[in-house]
C-alpha atoms as a PDB file:
ATOM      1  CA  MET A   1      -1.991  -0.174   3.515  1.00  0.00           C
ATOM      2  CA  ASN A   2      -4.435  -0.885   6.329  1.00  0.00           C
ATOM      3  CA  PHE A   3      -6.007   1.876   8.751  1.00  0.00           C
ATOM      4  CA  GLU A   4      -4.738   1.824  11.984  1.00  0.00           C
ATOM      5  CA  ARG A   5      -7.000  -0.286  14.160  1.00  0.00           C
ATOM      6  CA  GLU A   6      -7.572   1.123  17.701  1.00  0.00           C
ATOM      7  CA  ASP A   7     -10.054   0.510  20.227  1.00  0.00           C
ATOM      8  CA  LEU A   8     -11.429  -2.600  18.572  1.00  0.00           C
ATOM      9  CA  SER A   9     -12.727  -4.317  21.421  1.00  0.00           C
ATOM     10  CA  ARG A  10     -15.298  -1.572  21.697  1.00  0.00           C
ATOM     11  CA  GLU A  11     -16.660  -2.032  18.025  1.00  0.00           C
ATOM     12  CA  ARG A  12     -19.838  -3.856  17.257  1.00  0.00           C
ATOM     13  CA  ILE A  13     -18.527  -5.764  14.353  1.00  0.00           C
ATOM     14  CA  PRO A  14     -15.617  -8.224  14.821  1.00  0.00           C
ATOM     15  CA  ILE A  15     -12.771  -6.256  12.919  1.00  0.00           C
ATOM     16  CA  ARG A  16      -9.837  -8.262  14.365  1.00  0.00           C
ATOM     17  CA  SER A  17     -11.705 -11.604  12.991  1.00  0.00           C
ATOM     18  CA  VAL A  18     -12.741  -9.877   9.701  1.00  0.00           C
ATOM     19  CA  ILE A  19      -9.138  -8.824   9.057  1.00  0.00           C
ATOM     20  CA  ASP A  20      -7.687 -12.229   9.918  1.00  0.00           C
ATOM     21  CA  LYS A  21     -10.144 -13.840   7.501  1.00  0.00           C
ATOM     22  CA  LEU A  22      -9.484 -11.372   4.644  1.00  0.00           C
ATOM     23  CA  ASP A  23      -5.722 -11.918   5.109  1.00  0.00           C
ATOM     24  CA  ALA A  24      -6.271 -15.567   4.951  1.00  0.00           C
ATOM     25  CA  TYR A  25      -8.286 -15.216   1.556  1.00  0.00           C
ATOM     26  CA  LEU A  26      -5.468 -12.731   0.271  1.00  0.00           C
ATOM     27  CA  ASN A  27      -2.828 -15.074   1.040  1.00  0.00           C
ATOM     28  CA  ARG A  28      -4.256 -17.760  -1.342  1.00  0.00           C
ATOM     29  CA  GLU A  29      -5.553 -15.035  -3.760  1.00  0.00           C
ATOM     30  CA  ASP A  30      -9.363 -16.039  -3.172  1.00  0.00           C
ATOM     31  CA  TYR A  31     -10.358 -12.672  -4.368  1.00  0.00           C
ATOM     32  CA  GLU A  32     -14.042 -13.567  -4.916  1.00  0.00           C
ATOM     33  CA  SER A  33     -14.407 -14.606  -1.109  1.00  0.00           C
ATOM     34  CA  ALA A  34     -12.536 -11.533  -0.140  1.00  0.00           C
ATOM     35  CA  HIS A  35     -14.794  -9.382  -1.872  1.00  0.00           C
ATOM     36  CA  ARG A  36     -17.933 -10.917  -0.431  1.00  0.00           C
ATOM     37  CA  LEU A  37     -16.509 -10.736   3.003  1.00  0.00           C
ATOM     38  CA  LEU A  38     -15.740  -6.880   2.839  1.00  0.00           C
ATOM     39  CA  GLU A  39     -19.050  -6.246   1.354  1.00  0.00           C
ATOM     40  CA  TYR A  40     -21.036  -8.156   3.959  1.00  0.00           C
ATOM     41  CA  TRP A  41     -19.215  -6.444   6.706  1.00  0.00           C
ATOM     42  CA  ARG A  42     -19.436  -2.962   5.389  1.00  0.00           C
ATOM     43  CA  ASP A  43     -23.245  -3.461   5.040  1.00  0.00           C
ATOM     44  CA  GLU A  44     -23.492  -4.996   8.714  1.00  0.00           C
ATOM     45  CA  ALA A  45     -21.346  -1.938  10.039  1.00  0.00           C
ATOM     46  CA  ARG A  46     -23.785   0.514   8.220  1.00  0.00           C
ATOM     47  CA  ARG A  47     -26.835  -1.472   9.628  1.00  0.00           C
ATOM     48  CA  THR A  48     -25.832  -1.401  13.056  1.00  0.00           C
ATOM     49  CA  GLY A  49     -24.612   2.329  12.951  1.00  0.00           C
ATOM     50  CA  ASP A  50     -20.967   1.256  13.719  1.00  0.00           C
ATOM     51  CA  LEU A  51     -19.237   4.031  12.203  1.00  0.00           C
ATOM     52  CA  ARG A  52     -15.632   3.057  13.484  1.00  0.00           C
ATOM     53  CA  GLY A  53     -16.114  -0.316  12.321  1.00  0.00           C
ATOM     54  CA  GLU A  54     -17.279   1.027   8.800  1.00  0.00           C
ATOM     55  CA  VAL A  55     -14.371   3.318   8.541  1.00  0.00           C
ATOM     56  CA  ALA A  56     -11.986   0.552   9.158  1.00  0.00           C
ATOM     57  CA  ILE A  57     -13.821  -1.765   6.662  1.00  0.00           C
ATOM     58  CA  GLN A  58     -13.669   1.080   4.041  1.00  0.00           C
ATOM     59  CA  SER A  59     -10.139   1.151   4.552  1.00  0.00           C
ATOM     60  CA  GLU A  60      -9.609  -2.436   3.716  1.00  0.00           C
ATOM     61  CA  ILE A  61     -11.843  -2.025   0.904  1.00  0.00           C
ATOM     62  CA  MET A  62      -9.609   0.690  -0.778  1.00  0.00           C
ATOM     63  CA  GLY A  63      -6.398  -1.662  -0.527  1.00  0.00           C
ATOM     64  CA  PHE A  64      -8.416  -4.569  -1.882  1.00  0.00           C
ATOM     65  CA  SER A  65      -9.726  -2.572  -4.808  1.00  0.00           C
ATOM     66  CA  ARG A  66      -6.352  -1.254  -5.633  1.00  0.00           C
ATOM     67  CA  ARG A  67      -5.276  -4.953  -5.665  1.00  0.00           C
ATOM     68  CA  ILE A  68      -7.719  -6.073  -8.178  1.00  0.00           C
ATOM     69  CA  GLY A  69      -8.110  -2.810 -10.044  1.00  0.00           C
ATOM     70  CA  ASP A  70     -11.841  -2.077  -8.900  1.00  0.00           C
ATOM     71  CA  ARG A  71     -12.069   1.597  -9.590  1.00  0.00           C
ATOM     72  CA  LYS A  72     -15.558   2.243  -8.840  1.00  0.00           C
ATOM     73  CA  GLY A  73     -15.534   0.184  -5.632  1.00  0.00           C
ATOM     74  CA  GLY A  74     -12.178   1.924  -4.547  1.00  0.00           C
ATOM     75  CA  LEU A  75     -13.447   5.402  -5.117  1.00  0.00           C
ATOM     76  CA  ALA A  76     -16.533   4.868  -3.521  1.00  0.00           C
ATOM     77  CA  ALA A  77     -14.777   3.512  -0.450  1.00  0.00           C
ATOM     78  CA  VAL A  78     -12.407   6.782  -0.392  1.00  0.00           C
ATOM     79  CA  TRP A  79     -15.184   9.279  -0.746  1.00  0.00           C
ATOM     80  CA  ARG A  80     -17.386   7.472   2.037  1.00  0.00           C
ATOM     81  CA  GLY A  81     -14.286   7.128   4.307  1.00  0.00           C
ATOM     82  CA  PHE A  82     -13.246  10.666   4.174  1.00  0.00           C
ATOM     83  CA  GLU A  83     -16.660  11.456   5.390  1.00  0.00           C
ATOM     84  CA  LEU A  84     -16.619   9.094   8.159  1.00  0.00           C
ATOM     85  CA  VAL A  85     -13.060  10.509   9.307  1.00  0.00           C
ATOM     86  CA  GLU A  86     -14.737  13.926   9.592  1.00  0.00           C
ATOM     87  CA  GLU A  87     -17.753  12.844  11.127  1.00  0.00           C
ATOM     88  CA  LEU A  88     -15.701  10.824  13.683  1.00  0.00           C
ATOM     89  CA  GLY A  89     -13.458  13.593  14.424  1.00  0.00           C
ATOM     90  CA  LEU A  90     -10.282  11.103  13.854  1.00  0.00           C
ATOM     91  CA  SER A  91      -7.003  12.705  14.269  1.00  0.00           C
ATOM     92  CA  GLY A  92      -3.324  11.664  14.638  1.00  0.00           C
ATOM     93  CA  SER A  93      -1.648   8.799  13.127  1.00  0.00           C
ATOM     94  CA  ALA A  94      -4.938   7.014  12.535  1.00  0.00           C
ATOM     95  CA  ALA A  95      -6.529   9.926  10.594  1.00  0.00           C
ATOM     96  CA  GLY A  96      -3.137  10.284   8.675  1.00  0.00           C
ATOM     97  CA  THR A  97      -3.022   6.502   7.613  1.00  0.00           C
ATOM     98  CA  PHE A  98      -6.596   6.865   6.451  1.00  0.00           C
ATOM     99  CA  TYR A  99      -5.820  10.129   4.403  1.00  0.00           C
ATOM    100  CA  LEU A 100      -2.854   8.417   2.952  1.00  0.00           C
ATOM    101  CA  ASN A 101      -4.658   5.349   1.879  1.00  0.00           C
ATOM    102  CA  GLY A 102      -7.553   7.286   0.424  1.00  0.00           C
ATOM    103  CA  ALA A 103      -4.941   9.539  -1.483  1.00  0.00           C
ATOM    104  CA  THR A 104      -3.020   6.338  -2.803  1.00  0.00           C
ATOM    105  CA  THR A 105      -6.279   4.839  -4.095  1.00  0.00           C
ATOM    106  CA  LEU A 106      -7.181   8.221  -5.762  1.00  0.00           C
ATOM    107  CA  LYS A 107      -3.660   8.181  -7.482  1.00  0.00           C
ATOM    108  CA  ALA A 108      -4.039   4.452  -8.373  1.00  0.00           C
ATOM    109  CA  PHE A 109      -7.239   5.259 -10.421  1.00  0.00           C
ATOM    110  CA  GLY A 110      -5.862   8.200 -12.243  1.00  0.00           C
ATOM    111  CA  ALA A 111      -6.578  11.219  -9.893  1.00  0.00           C
ATOM    112  CA  ALA A 112      -3.036  12.114  -8.671  1.00  0.00           C
ATOM    113  CA  GLU A 113      -3.922  15.742  -8.665  1.00  0.00           C
ATOM    114  CA  GLU A 114      -6.933  15.326  -6.807  1.00  0.00           C
ATOM    115  CA  ALA A 115      -5.134  13.333  -4.322  1.00  0.00           C
ATOM    116  CA  ILE A 116      -2.219  15.868  -3.368  1.00  0.00           C
ATOM    117  CA  PRO A 117      -4.278  17.761  -0.800  1.00  0.00           C
ATOM    118  CA  TYR A 118      -5.147  14.329   1.019  1.00  0.00           C
ATOM    119  CA  TYR A 119      -1.444  13.527   1.078  1.00  0.00           C
ATOM    120  CA  GLU A 120      -0.859  16.675   2.627  1.00  0.00           C
ATOM    121  CA  LYS A 121      -3.507  15.993   5.224  1.00  0.00           C
ATOM    122  CA  ALA A 122      -1.836  12.815   6.105  1.00  0.00           C
ATOM    123  CA  GLN A 123       1.487  14.374   6.233  1.00  0.00           C
ATOM    124  CA  ALA A 124       0.198  17.049   8.737  1.00  0.00           C
ATOM    125  CA  CYS A 125      -1.565  14.170  10.744  1.00  0.00           C
ATOM    126  CA  TYR A 126       1.746  12.247  10.991  1.00  0.00           C
ATOM    127  CA  ALA A 127       3.886  15.410  11.711  1.00  0.00           C
ATOM    128  CA  ALA A 128       1.872  16.133  14.565  1.00  0.00           C
ATOM    129  CA  SER A 129       1.748  12.463  16.151  1.00  0.00           C
ATOM    130  CA  LEU A 130       4.782  10.342  14.982  1.00  0.00           C
ATOM    131  CA  LYS A 131       8.507  10.664  15.566  1.00  0.00           C
ATOM    132  CA  GLU A 132      10.786  11.306  12.505  1.00  0.00           C
ATOM    133  CA  HIS A 133      11.774   7.837  11.665  1.00  0.00           C
ATOM    134  CA  ASP A 134       8.574   6.100  12.439  1.00  0.00           C
ATOM    135  CA  PRO A 135       8.177   3.230   9.538  1.00  0.00           C
ATOM    136  CA  LEU A 136       4.645   4.824   8.770  1.00  0.00           C
ATOM    137  CA  TRP A 137       6.509   7.745   7.217  1.00  0.00           C
ATOM    138  CA  GLY A 138       8.319   5.144   4.764  1.00  0.00           C
ATOM    139  CA  GLY A 139       4.601   4.189   3.466  1.00  0.00           C
ATOM    140  CA  PHE A 140       3.902   7.966   3.083  1.00  0.00           C
ATOM    141  CA  TYR A 141       6.868   9.011   1.191  1.00  0.00           C
ATOM    142  CA  ASN A 142       7.015   5.816  -1.159  1.00  0.00           C
ATOM    143  CA  ASN A 143       3.367   6.587  -1.997  1.00  0.00           C
ATOM    144  CA  TYR A 144       3.576  10.448  -2.415  1.00  0.00           C
ATOM    145  CA  ALA A 145       6.354  10.053  -4.674  1.00  0.00           C
ATOM    146  CA  LEU A 146       4.128   8.004  -6.914  1.00  0.00           C
ATOM    147  CA  ALA A 147       1.645  10.888  -7.362  1.00  0.00           C
ATOM    148  CA  LEU A 148       4.592  13.405  -7.673  1.00  0.00           C
ATOM    149  CA  ALA A 149       6.058  11.167 -10.457  1.00  0.00           C
ATOM    150  CA  ASP A 150       2.554  11.048 -12.180  1.00  0.00           C
ATOM    151  CA  LEU A 151       2.610  14.934 -12.063  1.00  0.00           C
ATOM    152  CA  LYS A 152       6.091  15.197 -13.495  1.00  0.00           C
ATOM    153  CA  ARG A 153       7.372  16.559 -10.319  1.00  0.00           C
ATOM    154  CA  PHE A 154      10.635  14.360 -10.441  1.00  0.00           C
ATOM    155  CA  ASP A 155      13.098  15.925  -8.037  1.00  0.00           C
ATOM    156  CA  GLU A 156      10.588  15.878  -5.416  1.00  0.00           C
ATOM    157  CA  ALA A 157       9.650  12.289  -6.401  1.00  0.00           C
ATOM    158  CA  LEU A 158      13.199  11.197  -6.084  1.00  0.00           C
ATOM    159  CA  ASP A 159      13.773  12.772  -2.765  1.00  0.00           C
ATOM    160  CA  CYS A 160      10.540  11.241  -1.175  1.00  0.00           C
ATOM    161  CA  TYR A 161      11.845   7.858  -2.595  1.00  0.00           C
ATOM    162  CA  GLN A 162      15.244   8.426  -0.926  1.00  0.00           C
ATOM    163  CA  ASN A 163      13.646   9.321   2.412  1.00  0.00           C
ATOM    164  CA  ALA A 164      11.385   6.114   2.046  1.00  0.00           C
ATOM    165  CA  ILE A 165      14.397   4.077   1.701  1.00  0.00           C
ATOM    166  CA  ASP A 166      16.272   5.548   4.689  1.00  0.00           C
ATOM    167  CA  ILE A 167      13.558   5.069   7.039  1.00  0.00           C
ATOM    168  CA  MET A 168      12.730   1.593   5.964  1.00  0.00           C
ATOM    169  CA  SER A 169      16.373   0.706   6.272  1.00  0.00           C
ATOM    170  CA  LEU A 170      16.124   1.294   9.965  1.00  0.00           C
ATOM    171  CA  LYS A 171      13.074  -1.115  10.209  1.00  0.00           C
ATOM    172  CA  PRO A 172      13.764  -4.854  10.759  1.00  0.00           C
ATOM    173  CA  GLY A 173      12.579  -6.700   7.933  1.00  0.00           C
ATOM    174  CA  GLY A 174      12.116  -3.527   5.862  1.00  0.00           C
ATOM    175  CA  GLY A 175      14.029  -4.953   2.821  1.00  0.00           C
ATOM    176  CA  LEU A 176      10.608  -5.774   1.003  1.00  0.00           C
ATOM    177  CA  GLU A 177       9.317  -2.348   1.268  1.00  0.00           C
ATOM    178  CA  ILE A 178      12.677  -1.111  -0.115  1.00  0.00           C
ATOM    179  CA  ALA A 179      12.352  -3.525  -3.065  1.00  0.00           C
ATOM    180  CA  VAL A 180       9.080  -2.089  -4.030  1.00  0.00           C
ATOM    181  CA  THR A 181      10.545   1.465  -3.783  1.00  0.00           C
ATOM    182  CA  LEU A 182      13.408   0.625  -5.879  1.00  0.00           C
ATOM    183  CA  MET A 183      11.038  -0.748  -8.360  1.00  0.00           C
ATOM    184  CA  ASN A 184       9.347   2.676  -8.391  1.00  0.00           C
ATOM    185  CA  VAL A 185      12.683   4.399  -8.564  1.00  0.00           C
ATOM    186  CA  ALA A 186      13.692   2.441 -11.869  1.00  0.00           C
ATOM    187  CA  GLU A 187      10.459   3.612 -13.512  1.00  0.00           C
ATOM    188  CA  LEU A 188      11.039   7.241 -12.362  1.00  0.00           C
ATOM    189  CA  PHE A 189      14.634   7.031 -13.924  1.00  0.00           C
ATOM    190  CA  GLU A 190      13.068   5.847 -17.162  1.00  0.00           C
ATOM    191  CA  LYS A 191      10.449   8.988 -17.043  1.00  0.00           C
ATOM    192  CA  MET A 192      13.455  11.269 -16.169  1.00  0.00           C
ATOM    193  CA  GLY A 193      15.406   9.953 -19.111  1.00  0.00           C
ATOM    194  CA  GLU A 194      18.312   9.180 -16.839  1.00  0.00           C
ATOM    195  CA  GLY A 195      19.329   6.072 -18.910  1.00  0.00           C
ATOM    196  CA  ASP A 196      19.880   2.510 -18.552  1.00  0.00           C
ATOM    197  CA  ALA A 197      22.817   2.379 -15.799  1.00  0.00           C
ATOM    198  CA  LEU A 198      20.763   3.898 -13.133  1.00  0.00           C
ATOM    199  CA  ILE A 199      17.677   1.802 -14.235  1.00  0.00           C
ATOM    200  CA  GLU A 200      19.652  -1.378 -13.891  1.00  0.00           C
ATOM    201  CA  GLN A 201      21.361  -0.416 -10.638  1.00  0.00           C
ATOM    202  CA  ALA A 202      17.977   0.149  -8.931  1.00  0.00           C
ATOM    203  CA  LEU A 203      16.594  -3.289 -10.207  1.00  0.00           C
ATOM    204  CA  GLN A 204      19.734  -5.213  -9.098  1.00  0.00           C
ATOM    205  CA  GLN A 205      19.284  -3.573  -5.581  1.00  0.00           C
ATOM    206  CA  ALA A 206      15.966  -4.626  -5.478  1.00  0.00           C
ATOM    207  CA  LEU A 207      16.636  -8.059  -6.445  1.00  0.00           C
ATOM    208  CA  ASP A 208      19.225  -8.220  -3.867  1.00  0.00           C
ATOM    209  CA  TYR A 209      16.806  -7.393  -1.258  1.00  0.00           C
ATOM    210  CA  LEU A 210      14.169 -10.012  -2.623  1.00  0.00           C
ATOM    211  CA  GLU A 211      16.725 -12.577  -2.454  1.00  0.00           C
ATOM    212  CA  ASP A 212      17.590 -12.076   1.243  1.00  0.00           C
ATOM    213  CA  PRO A 213      17.548 -15.478   2.831  1.00  0.00           C
ATOM    214  CA  ALA A 214      16.400 -14.049   6.121  1.00  0.00           C
ATOM    215  CA  LEU A 215      13.121 -13.225   4.774  1.00  0.00           C
ATOM    216  CA  GLU A 216      10.126 -15.215   5.621  1.00  0.00           C
ATOM    217  CA  ARG A 217       8.457 -16.508   2.529  1.00  0.00           C
ATOM    218  CA  ASN A 218       5.135 -15.667   3.616  1.00  0.00           C
ATOM    219  CA  GLY A 219       1.993 -14.292   2.107  1.00  0.00           C
ATOM    220  CA  TYR A 220       3.452 -10.744   2.226  1.00  0.00           C
ATOM    221  CA  TYR A 221       6.417 -11.876   0.574  1.00  0.00           C
ATOM    222  CA  ALA A 222       4.472 -13.720  -2.354  1.00  0.00           C
ATOM    223  CA  PHE A 223       2.566 -10.176  -2.580  1.00  0.00           C
ATOM    224  CA  VAL A 224       5.618  -8.224  -2.968  1.00  0.00           C
ATOM    225  CA  CYS A 225       6.988 -10.813  -5.565  1.00  0.00           C
ATOM    226  CA  ARG A 226       3.995 -10.583  -7.695  1.00  0.00           C
ATOM    227  CA  LYS A 227       3.977  -6.701  -7.212  1.00  0.00           C
ATOM    228  CA  CYS A 228       7.795  -6.460  -8.417  1.00  0.00           C
ATOM    229  CA  ALA A 229       7.535  -9.195 -11.122  1.00  0.00           C
ATOM    230  CA  PRO A 230       5.971  -6.982 -13.928  1.00  0.00           C
ATOM    231  CA  THR A 231       8.530  -4.192 -13.620  1.00  0.00           C
ATOM    232  CA  PHE A 232      11.278  -6.822 -13.850  1.00  0.00           C
ATOM    233  CA  GLY A 233       9.723  -8.106 -16.959  1.00  0.00           C
ATOM    234  CA  TYR A 234       9.074  -4.703 -18.385  1.00  0.00           C
ATOM    235  CA  PHE A 235      12.713  -3.744 -18.121  1.00  0.00           C
ATOM    236  CA  GLY A 236      13.786  -7.240 -19.861  1.00  0.00           C
ATOM    237  CA  TRP A 237      14.554  -9.103 -16.842  1.00  0.00           C
ATOM    238  CA  PHE A 238      12.429 -12.076 -17.771  1.00  0.00           C
ATOM    239  CA  LYS A 239      14.383 -14.535 -15.453  1.00  0.00           C
ATOM    240  CA  ALA A 240      13.700 -12.563 -12.358  1.00  0.00           C
ATOM    241  CA  GLN A 241      10.169 -11.993 -13.490  1.00  0.00           C
ATOM    242  CA  ARG A 242       9.635 -15.800 -14.019  1.00  0.00           C
ATOM    243  CA  GLU A 243      11.319 -16.652 -10.721  1.00  0.00           C
ATOM    244  CA  LEU A 244       9.452 -14.169  -8.667  1.00  0.00           C
ATOM    245  CA  ASN A 245       5.993 -15.131 -10.034  1.00  0.00           C
ATOM    246  CA  GLU A 246       6.860 -18.854  -9.435  1.00  0.00           C
ATOM    247  CA  ARG A 247       7.867 -18.115  -5.652  1.00  0.00           C
ATOM    248  CA  ALA A 248       4.631 -16.480  -5.247  1.00  0.00           C
ATOM    249  CA  ASP A 249       2.616 -19.311  -7.032  1.00  0.00           C
ATOM    250  CA  LYS A 250       4.415 -21.833  -4.666  1.00  0.00           C
ATOM    251  CA  ILE A 251       3.338 -19.713  -1.614  1.00  0.00           C
ATOM    252  CA  TYR A 252      -0.107 -19.180  -2.443  1.00  0.00           C
ATOM    253  CA  GLU A 253      -0.665 -22.761  -3.475  1.00  0.00           C
ATOM    254  CA  GLY A 254       0.746 -23.736  -0.102  1.00  0.00           C
ATOM    255  CA  ALA A 255      -2.013 -21.437   1.640  1.00  0.00           C
END
């Protein structure tokens, strides 16, 4: 999830160009180049005193760190980013998205309890600035549910997942996000001891979304395939796991 980028024409560092180049690296899984790019522009933003540029880069570092499992780098970006949000006085959906990104990074690196207050900050920012069915709420509910599940607040987590699915079903092309949520639902059902039938149903629904011929087979599709494949494998759906990884390989090689 990326920080909402506003007023970029006023930044000292070229945020749009940096993000375009980052996306190009990620679309071919060139993580070494992506890492160098983010570190360079983070340092450049600090050198020039470009706080808005830095907060955008720190947000990108959070997402990248989750992707490659860099706990140290991810948590450093979280705490520095939170400082910048307060210093800049950011509010509304921009602040909400940053708090959500930070909370999700905390959760991803084993600090679900510590993440909860920042999910609540994100929720308050969104409630003050977004309509009820804005797609950003889908990301909020899905990520908040992951933290609730870690804390064994299962019923609350399931409600959040359903909210995410309801919202993303209204978004054109929202099937990929729904597929990821259904992967999480399958894992939640296992934690709840709900049995194989509900798990199998969630997996099949997710696969149906991923098979939608209307979906563009681009870098984001490859990323979602790669993200979903291990869960299919975990539950014994080895054919689906293999095919999703093969699709991702083909897209990344083409990039």
